[in-house]
Amino acid sequence: MGRSVPSWRIRVENELQGLMPYRRALTPHDRIAFDALLDEVRKRRTAGGLLPALNTWQPTVLSMLVGLMSEVSKLSKRLEALEERHDHD
């Protein structure tokens, strides 16, 4: 028996593909950043699929934000370690 609603993976990939005209209009530097955001969504497909939402944008944006916060946290810890090392020198 078939599904009445396409899987999250299919829906989100369709949404991301729909953003390609926007991507093409970005500068090469911004394309790299944009692609990184899209990768964050793909890394969190399982989590996004668990939200009972027909709107794909909510879990898509949440996945991007979680990816950004994860990166900010890593950089913050690295900065703290560098500052501590500098203070002890």
PDB file of N, CA and C in Angstrom:
ATOM      1  N   MET A   1       0.839  -1.165   0.000  1.00  0.00           N
ATOM      2  CA  MET A   1       0.000   0.000   0.000  1.00  0.00           C
ATOM      3  C   MET A   1       0.894   1.241   0.000  1.00  0.00           C
ATOM      4  N   GLY A   2       0.578   2.240  -0.822  1.00  0.00           N
ATOM      5  CA  GLY A   2       1.400   3.439  -0.954  1.00  0.00           C
ATOM      6  C   GLY A   2       1.137   4.453   0.137  1.00  0.00           C
ATOM      7  N   ARG A   3       2.033   5.381   0.234  1.00  0.00           N
ATOM      8  CA  ARG A   3       1.896   6.465   1.206  1.00  0.00           C
ATOM      9  C   ARG A   3       1.027   7.570   0.617  1.00  0.00           C
ATOM     10  N   SER A   4       0.271   8.218   1.468  1.00  0.00           N
ATOM     11  CA  SER A   4      -0.529   9.342   0.999  1.00  0.00           C
ATOM     12  C   SER A   4       0.279  10.640   1.023  1.00  0.00           C
ATOM     13  N   VAL A   5       1.308  10.686   1.869  1.00  0.00           N
ATOM     14  CA  VAL A   5       2.182  11.850   1.965  1.00  0.00           C
ATOM     15  C   VAL A   5       3.608  11.377   1.694  1.00  0.00           C
ATOM     16  N   PRO A   6       4.329  12.048   0.795  1.00  0.00           N
ATOM     17  CA  PRO A   6       5.717  11.635   0.549  1.00  0.00           C
ATOM     18  C   PRO A   6       6.542  11.698   1.830  1.00  0.00           C
ATOM     19  N   SER A   7       7.593  10.906   1.881  1.00  0.00           N
ATOM     20  CA  SER A   7       8.454  10.886   3.068  1.00  0.00           C
ATOM     21  C   SER A   7       9.095  12.250   3.276  1.00  0.00           C
ATOM     22  N   TRP A   8       9.545  12.471   4.502  1.00  0.00           N
ATOM     23  CA  TRP A   8      10.224  13.721   4.844  1.00  0.00           C
ATOM     24  C   TRP A   8      11.421  13.923   3.935  1.00  0.00           C
ATOM     25  N   ARG A   9      12.179  12.892   3.715  1.00  0.00           N
ATOM     26  CA  ARG A   9      13.388  13.005   2.896  1.00  0.00           C
ATOM     27  C   ARG A   9      13.050  13.520   1.495  1.00  0.00           C
ATOM     28  N   ILE A  10      12.013  12.983   0.901  1.00  0.00           N
ATOM     29  CA  ILE A  10      11.614  13.418  -0.435  1.00  0.00           C
ATOM     30  C   ILE A  10      11.101  14.858  -0.402  1.00  0.00           C
ATOM     31  N   ARG A  11      10.270  15.161   0.592  1.00  0.00           N
ATOM     32  CA  ARG A  11       9.709  16.517   0.685  1.00  0.00           C
ATOM     33  C   ARG A  11      10.800  17.559   0.898  1.00  0.00           C
ATOM     34  N   VAL A  12      11.748  17.275   1.788  1.00  0.00           N
ATOM     35  CA  VAL A  12      12.782  18.272   2.066  1.00  0.00           C
ATOM     36  C   VAL A  12      13.717  18.420   0.873  1.00  0.00           C
ATOM     37  N   GLU A  13      14.035  17.338   0.199  1.00  0.00           N
ATOM     38  CA  GLU A  13      14.885  17.447  -0.987  1.00  0.00           C
ATOM     39  C   GLU A  13      14.194  18.266  -2.074  1.00  0.00           C
ATOM     40  N   ASN A  14      12.886  18.091  -2.225  1.00  0.00           N
ATOM     41  CA  ASN A  14      12.140  18.902  -3.185  1.00  0.00           C
ATOM     42  C   ASN A  14      12.197  20.380  -2.815  1.00  0.00           C
ATOM     43  N   GLU A  15      12.046  20.677  -1.527  1.00  0.00           N
ATOM     44  CA  GLU A  15      12.139  22.069  -1.067  1.00  0.00           C
ATOM     45  C   GLU A  15      13.528  22.631  -1.325  1.00  0.00           C
ATOM     46  N   LEU A  16      14.554  21.855  -1.002  1.00  0.00           N
ATOM     47  CA  LEU A  16      15.921  22.328  -1.190  1.00  0.00           C
ATOM     48  C   LEU A  16      16.228  22.536  -2.666  1.00  0.00           C
ATOM     49  N   GLN A  17      15.729  21.657  -3.516  1.00  0.00           N
ATOM     50  CA  GLN A  17      15.928  21.827  -4.961  1.00  0.00           C
ATOM     51  C   GLN A  17      15.231  23.090  -5.464  1.00  0.00           C
ATOM     52  N   GLY A  18      14.117  23.430  -4.848  1.00  0.00           N
ATOM     53  CA  GLY A  18      13.404  24.644  -5.218  1.00  0.00           C
ATOM     54  C   GLY A  18      14.174  25.917  -4.897  1.00  0.00           C
ATOM     55  N   LEU A  19      15.202  25.798  -4.065  1.00  0.00           N
ATOM     56  CA  LEU A  19      16.020  26.954  -3.687  1.00  0.00           C
ATOM     57  C   LEU A  19      17.198  27.192  -4.631  1.00  0.00           C
ATOM     58  N   MET A  20      17.358  26.343  -5.624  1.00  0.00           N
ATOM     59  CA  MET A  20      18.520  26.451  -6.500  1.00  0.00           C
ATOM     60  C   MET A  20      18.574  27.761  -7.302  1.00  0.00           C
ATOM     61  N   PRO A  21      17.451  28.328  -7.742  1.00  0.00           N
ATOM     62  CA  PRO A  21      17.558  29.650  -8.397  1.00  0.00           C
ATOM     63  C   PRO A  21      18.137  30.709  -7.447  1.00  0.00           C
ATOM     64  N   TYR A  22      17.735  30.646  -6.183  1.00  0.00           N
ATOM     65  CA  TYR A  22      18.286  31.562  -5.175  1.00  0.00           C
ATOM     66  C   TYR A  22      19.794  31.341  -5.039  1.00  0.00           C
ATOM     67  N   ARG A  23      20.193  30.074  -4.971  1.00  0.00           N
ATOM     68  CA  ARG A  23      21.608  29.728  -4.827  1.00  0.00           C
ATOM     69  C   ARG A  23      22.430  30.276  -5.984  1.00  0.00           C
ATOM     70  N   ARG A  24      21.903  30.134  -7.188  1.00  0.00           N
ATOM     71  CA  ARG A  24      22.639  30.607  -8.372  1.00  0.00           C
ATOM     72  C   ARG A  24      22.861  32.118  -8.340  1.00  0.00           C
ATOM     73  N   ALA A  25      21.981  32.848  -7.671  1.00  0.00           N
ATOM     74  CA  ALA A  25      22.110  34.301  -7.604  1.00  0.00           C
ATOM     75  C   ALA A  25      23.113  34.758  -6.542  1.00  0.00           C
ATOM     76  N   LEU A  26      23.561  33.857  -5.703  1.00  0.00           N
ATOM     77  CA  LEU A  26      24.507  34.215  -4.639  1.00  0.00           C
ATOM     78  C   LEU A  26      25.928  34.331  -5.180  1.00  0.00           C
ATOM     79  N   THR A  27      26.745  35.047  -4.445  1.00  0.00           N
ATOM     80  CA  THR A  27      28.165  35.106  -4.787  1.00  0.00           C
ATOM     81  C   THR A  27      28.796  33.742  -4.485  1.00  0.00           C
ATOM     82  N   PRO A  28      29.934  33.446  -5.084  1.00  0.00           N
ATOM     83  CA  PRO A  28      30.582  32.150  -4.789  1.00  0.00           C
ATOM     84  C   PRO A  28      30.817  31.928  -3.289  1.00  0.00           C
ATOM     85  N   HIS A  29      31.215  32.983  -2.587  1.00  0.00           N
ATOM     86  CA  HIS A  29      31.444  32.858  -1.137  1.00  0.00           C
ATOM     87  C   HIS A  29      30.139  32.518  -0.408  1.00  0.00           C
ATOM     88  N   ASP A  30      29.061  33.197  -0.768  1.00  0.00           N
ATOM     89  CA  ASP A  30      27.772  32.940  -0.135  1.00  0.00           C
ATOM     90  C   ASP A  30      27.218  31.569  -0.510  1.00  0.00           C
ATOM     91  N   ARG A  31      27.534  31.073  -1.697  1.00  0.00           N
ATOM     92  CA  ARG A  31      27.098  29.731  -2.091  1.00  0.00           C
ATOM     93  C   ARG A  31      27.681  28.674  -1.167  1.00  0.00           C
ATOM     94  N   ILE A  32      28.922  28.870  -0.784  1.00  0.00           N
ATOM     95  CA  ILE A  32      29.567  27.918   0.138  1.00  0.00           C
ATOM     96  C   ILE A  32      28.817  27.901   1.465  1.00  0.00           C
ATOM     97  N   ALA A  33      28.489  29.081   1.980  1.00  0.00           N
ATOM     98  CA  ALA A  33      27.748  29.173   3.241  1.00  0.00           C
ATOM     99  C   ALA A  33      26.347  28.569   3.091  1.00  0.00           C
ATOM    100  N   PHE A  34      25.695  28.853   1.984  1.00  0.00           N
ATOM    101  CA  PHE A  34      24.355  28.328   1.724  1.00  0.00           C
ATOM    102  C   PHE A  34      24.383  26.806   1.640  1.00  0.00           C
ATOM    103  N   ASP A  35      25.360  26.271   0.927  1.00  0.00           N
ATOM    104  CA  ASP A  35      25.487  24.816   0.813  1.00  0.00           C
ATOM    105  C   ASP A  35      25.714  24.167   2.173  1.00  0.00           C
ATOM    106  N   ALA A  36      26.467  24.859   3.031  1.00  0.00           N
ATOM    107  CA  ALA A  36      26.696  24.336   4.383  1.00  0.00           C
ATOM    108  C   ALA A  36      25.378  24.258   5.158  1.00  0.00           C
ATOM    109  N   LEU A  37      24.515  25.257   5.001  1.00  0.00           N
ATOM    110  CA  LEU A  37      23.203  25.221   5.663  1.00  0.00           C
ATOM    111  C   LEU A  37      22.361  24.060   5.148  1.00  0.00           C
ATOM    112  N   LEU A  38      22.389  23.841   3.846  1.00  0.00           N
ATOM    113  CA  LEU A  38      21.626  22.730   3.278  1.00  0.00           C
ATOM    114  C   LEU A  38      22.159  21.396   3.790  1.00  0.00           C
ATOM    115  N   ASP A  39      23.475  21.304   3.961  1.00  0.00           N
ATOM    116  CA  ASP A  39      24.067  20.073   4.501  1.00  0.00           C
ATOM    117  C   ASP A  39      23.607  19.825   5.934  1.00  0.00           C
ATOM    118  N   GLU A  40      23.420  20.897   6.704  1.00  0.00           N
ATOM    119  CA  GLU A  40      22.936  20.745   8.077  1.00  0.00           C
ATOM    120  C   GLU A  40      21.535  20.143   8.086  1.00  0.00           C
ATOM    121  N   VAL A  41      20.718  20.533   7.137  1.00  0.00           N
ATOM    122  CA  VAL A  41      19.366  19.970   7.026  1.00  0.00           C
ATOM    123  C   VAL A  41      19.466  18.474   6.707  1.00  0.00           C
ATOM    124  N   ARG A  42      20.327  18.140   5.765  1.00  0.00           N
ATOM    125  CA  ARG A  42      20.468  16.732   5.366  1.00  0.00           C
ATOM    126  C   ARG A  42      21.022  15.877   6.503  1.00  0.00           C
ATOM    127  N   LYS A  43      21.901  16.435   7.317  1.00  0.00           N
ATOM    128  CA  LYS A  43      22.464  15.689   8.453  1.00  0.00           C
ATOM    129  C   LYS A  43      21.395  15.368   9.501  1.00  0.00           C
ATOM    130  N   ARG A  44      20.357  16.177   9.535  1.00  0.00           N
ATOM    131  CA  ARG A  44      19.322  16.032  10.563  1.00  0.00           C
ATOM    132  C   ARG A  44      18.001  15.552   9.984  1.00  0.00           C
ATOM    133  N   ARG A  45      18.057  14.771   8.926  1.00  0.00           N
ATOM    134  CA  ARG A  45      16.835  14.257   8.282  1.00  0.00           C
ATOM    135  C   ARG A  45      15.994  13.433   9.243  1.00  0.00           C
ATOM    136  N   THR A  46      16.645  12.613  10.038  1.00  0.00           N
ATOM    137  CA  THR A  46      15.892  11.765  10.963  1.00  0.00           C
ATOM    138  C   THR A  46      15.092  12.617  11.941  1.00  0.00           C
ATOM    139  N   ALA A  47      15.735  13.619  12.521  1.00  0.00           N
ATOM    140  CA  ALA A  47      15.044  14.490  13.475  1.00  0.00           C
ATOM    141  C   ALA A  47      13.907  15.239  12.787  1.00  0.00           C
ATOM    142  N   GLY A  48      14.155  15.759  11.608  1.00  0.00           N
ATOM    143  CA  GLY A  48      13.122  16.492  10.881  1.00  0.00           C
ATOM    144  C   GLY A  48      11.926  15.630  10.551  1.00  0.00           C
ATOM    145  N   GLY A  49      12.178  14.379  10.237  1.00  0.00           N
ATOM    146  CA  GLY A  49      11.104  13.469   9.898  1.00  0.00           C
ATOM    147  C   GLY A  49      10.231  13.087  11.073  1.00  0.00           C
ATOM    148  N   LEU A  50      10.705  13.331  12.278  1.00  0.00           N
ATOM    149  CA  LEU A  50       9.931  12.977  13.469  1.00  0.00           C
ATOM    150  C   LEU A  50       8.889  14.025  13.836  1.00  0.00           C
ATOM    151  N   LEU A  51       9.021  15.231  13.274  1.00  0.00           N
ATOM    152  CA  LEU A  51       8.014  16.255  13.549  1.00  0.00           C
ATOM    153  C   LEU A  51       6.789  15.991  12.686  1.00  0.00           C
ATOM    154  N   PRO A  52       5.630  15.933  13.296  1.00  0.00           N
ATOM    155  CA  PRO A  52       4.414  15.660  12.517  1.00  0.00           C
ATOM    156  C   PRO A  52       3.924  16.921  11.808  1.00  0.00           C
ATOM    157  N   ALA A  53       4.736  17.399  10.876  1.00  0.00           N
ATOM    158  CA  ALA A  53       4.399  18.647  10.201  1.00  0.00           C
ATOM    159  C   ALA A  53       4.322  18.437   8.696  1.00  0.00           C
ATOM    160  N   LEU A  54       3.270  18.948   8.111  1.00  0.00           N
ATOM    161  CA  LEU A  54       3.196  18.934   6.656  1.00  0.00           C
ATOM    162  C   LEU A  54       4.031  20.065   6.079  1.00  0.00           C
ATOM    163  N   ASN A  55       4.261  21.095   6.890  1.00  0.00           N
ATOM    164  CA  ASN A  55       5.095  22.211   6.482  1.00  0.00           C
ATOM    165  C   ASN A  55       6.555  21.801   6.644  1.00  0.00           C
ATOM    166  N   THR A  56       7.272  21.716   5.549  1.00  0.00           N
ATOM    167  CA  THR A  56       8.672  21.277   5.629  1.00  0.00           C
ATOM    168  C   THR A  56       9.603  22.375   6.119  1.00  0.00           C
ATOM    169  N   TRP A  57       9.158  23.621   6.095  1.00  0.00           N
ATOM    170  CA  TRP A  57      10.062  24.711   6.464  1.00  0.00           C
ATOM    171  C   TRP A  57      10.404  24.748   7.944  1.00  0.00           C
ATOM    172  N   GLN A  58       9.471  24.408   8.807  1.00  0.00           N
ATOM    173  CA  GLN A  58       9.767  24.461  10.239  1.00  0.00           C
ATOM    174  C   GLN A  58      10.940  23.546  10.598  1.00  0.00           C
ATOM    175  N   PRO A  59      10.895  22.253  10.292  1.00  0.00           N
ATOM    176  CA  PRO A  59      12.043  21.414  10.622  1.00  0.00           C
ATOM    177  C   PRO A  59      13.290  21.741   9.799  1.00  0.00           C
ATOM    178  N   THR A  60      13.104  22.290   8.598  1.00  0.00           N
ATOM    179  CA  THR A  60      14.256  22.674   7.787  1.00  0.00           C
ATOM    180  C   THR A  60      15.025  23.804   8.456  1.00  0.00           C
ATOM    181  N   VAL A  61      14.309  24.840   8.857  1.00  0.00           N
ATOM    182  CA  VAL A  61      14.958  25.984   9.511  1.00  0.00           C
ATOM    183  C   VAL A  61      15.518  25.577  10.871  1.00  0.00           C
ATOM    184  N   LEU A  62      14.791  24.754  11.613  1.00  0.00           N
ATOM    185  CA  LEU A  62      15.307  24.276  12.901  1.00  0.00           C
ATOM    186  C   LEU A  62      16.627  23.513  12.707  1.00  0.00           C
ATOM    187  N   SER A  63      16.689  22.690  11.679  1.00  0.00           N
ATOM    188  CA  SER A  63      17.914  21.937  11.410  1.00  0.00           C
ATOM    189  C   SER A  63      19.073  22.869  11.082  1.00  0.00           C
ATOM    190  N   MET A  64      18.799  23.909  10.318  1.00  0.00           N
ATOM    191  CA  MET A  64      19.844  24.895  10.007  1.00  0.00           C
ATOM    192  C   MET A  64      20.315  25.594  11.276  1.00  0.00           C
ATOM    193  N   LEU A  65      19.360  25.990  12.124  1.00  0.00           N
ATOM    194  CA  LEU A  65      19.709  26.685  13.362  1.00  0.00           C
ATOM    195  C   LEU A  65      20.506  25.788  14.313  1.00  0.00           C
ATOM    196  N   VAL A  66      20.119  24.528  14.418  1.00  0.00           N
ATOM    197  CA  VAL A  66      20.863  23.603  15.277  1.00  0.00           C
ATOM    198  C   VAL A  66      22.289  23.448  14.751  1.00  0.00           C
ATOM    199  N   GLY A  67      22.432  23.350  13.443  1.00  0.00           N
ATOM    200  CA  GLY A  67      23.766  23.250  12.860  1.00  0.00           C
ATOM    201  C   GLY A  67      24.612  24.483  13.157  1.00  0.00           C
ATOM    202  N   LEU A  68      23.997  25.658  13.038  1.00  0.00           N
ATOM    203  CA  LEU A  68      24.713  26.897  13.334  1.00  0.00           C
ATOM    204  C   LEU A  68      25.109  26.968  14.805  1.00  0.00           C
ATOM    205  N   MET A  69      24.181  26.611  15.699  1.00  0.00           N
ATOM    206  CA  MET A  69      24.490  26.650  17.131  1.00  0.00           C
ATOM    207  C   MET A  69      25.588  25.657  17.490  1.00  0.00           C
ATOM    208  N   SER A  70      25.575  24.517  16.853  1.00  0.00           N
ATOM    209  CA  SER A  70      26.620  23.522  17.086  1.00  0.00           C
ATOM    210  C   SER A  70      27.990  24.092  16.698  1.00  0.00           C
ATOM    211  N   GLU A  71      28.030  24.761  15.562  1.00  0.00           N
ATOM    212  CA  GLU A  71      29.288  25.368  15.110  1.00  0.00           C
ATOM    213  C   GLU A  71      29.715  26.506  16.033  1.00  0.00           C
ATOM    214  N   VAL A  72      28.772  27.336  16.452  1.00  0.00           N
ATOM    215  CA  VAL A  72      29.084  28.429  17.386  1.00  0.00           C
ATOM    216  C   VAL A  72      29.640  27.858  18.687  1.00  0.00           C
ATOM    217  N   SER A  73      29.038  26.789  19.181  1.00  0.00           N
ATOM    218  CA  SER A  73      29.499  26.167  20.420  1.00  0.00           C
ATOM    219  C   SER A  73      30.930  25.642  20.281  1.00  0.00           C
ATOM    220  N   LYS A  74      31.210  24.972  19.174  1.00  0.00           N
ATOM    221  CA  LYS A  74      32.574  24.464  18.942  1.00  0.00           C
ATOM    222  C   LYS A  74      33.580  25.606  18.886  1.00  0.00           C
ATOM    223  N   LEU A  75      33.241  26.664  18.175  1.00  0.00           N
ATOM    224  CA  LEU A  75      34.152  27.807  18.056  1.00  0.00           C
ATOM    225  C   LEU A  75      34.323  28.515  19.395  1.00  0.00           C
ATOM    226  N   SER A  76      33.259  28.602  20.179  1.00  0.00           N
ATOM    227  CA  SER A  76      33.334  29.235  21.489  1.00  0.00           C
ATOM    228  C   SER A  76      34.279  28.464  22.419  1.00  0.00           C
ATOM    229  N   LYS A  77      34.149  27.144  22.420  1.00  0.00           N
ATOM    230  CA  LYS A  77      35.035  26.321  23.247  1.00  0.00           C
ATOM    231  C   LYS A  77      36.482  26.451  22.799  1.00  0.00           C
ATOM    232  N   ARG A  78      36.669  26.496  21.501  1.00  0.00           N
ATOM    233  CA  ARG A  78      38.032  26.636  20.970  1.00  0.00           C
ATOM    234  C   ARG A  78      38.619  27.991  21.360  1.00  0.00           C
ATOM    235  N   LEU A  79      37.804  29.041  21.267  1.00  0.00           N
ATOM    236  CA  LEU A  79      38.252  30.377  21.649  1.00  0.00           C
ATOM    237  C   LEU A  79      38.597  30.438  23.136  1.00  0.00           C
ATOM    238  N   GLU A  80      37.756  29.831  23.966  1.00  0.00           N
ATOM    239  CA  GLU A  80      38.037  29.805  25.411  1.00  0.00           C
ATOM    240  C   GLU A  80      39.359  29.108  25.696  1.00  0.00           C
ATOM    241  N   ALA A  81      39.606  27.990  25.027  1.00  0.00           N
ATOM    242  CA  ALA A  81      40.860  27.257  25.236  1.00  0.00           C
ATOM    243  C   ALA A  81      42.048  28.104  24.804  1.00  0.00           C
ATOM    244  N   LEU A  82      41.924  28.796  23.695  1.00  0.00           N
ATOM    245  CA  LEU A  82      43.015  29.664  23.231  1.00  0.00           C
ATOM    246  C   LEU A  82      43.243  30.824  24.188  1.00  0.00           C
ATOM    247  N   GLU A  83      42.161  31.403  24.705  1.00  0.00           N
ATOM    248  CA  GLU A  83      42.297  32.503  25.660  1.00  0.00           C
ATOM    249  C   GLU A  83      42.947  32.037  26.951  1.00  0.00           C
ATOM    250  N   GLU A  84      42.578  30.864  27.431  1.00  0.00           N
ATOM    251  CA  GLU A  84      43.192  30.321  28.642  1.00  0.00           C
ATOM    252  C   GLU A  84      44.677  30.072  28.421  1.00  0.00           C
ATOM    253  N   ARG A  85      45.003  29.530  27.284  1.00  0.00           N
ATOM    254  CA  ARG A  85      46.406  29.266  26.973  1.00  0.00           C
ATOM    255  C   ARG A  85      47.190  30.569  26.887  1.00  0.00           C
ATOM    256  N   HIS A  86      46.585  31.603  26.293  1.00  0.00           N
ATOM    257  CA  HIS A  86      47.236  32.895  26.174  1.00  0.00           C
ATOM    258  C   HIS A  86      47.411  33.550  27.545  1.00  0.00           C
ATOM    259  N   ASP A  87      46.413  33.405  28.432  1.00  0.00           N
ATOM    260  CA  ASP A  87      46.489  33.994  29.774  1.00  0.00           C
ATOM    261  C   ASP A  87      47.580  33.352  30.609  1.00  0.00           C
ATOM    262  N   HIS A  88      47.857  32.081  30.356  1.00  0.00           N
ATOM    263  CA  HIS A  88      48.879  31.366  31.145  1.00  0.00           C
ATOM    264  C   HIS A  88      50.286  31.594  30.616  1.00  0.00           C
ATOM    265  N   ASP A  89      50.401  32.200  29.454  1.00  0.00           N
ATOM    266  CA  ASP A  89      51.745  32.449  28.885  1.00  0.00           C
ATOM    267  C   ASP A  89      52.379  33.680  29.419  1.00  0.00           C
TER     268      ASP A  89
END
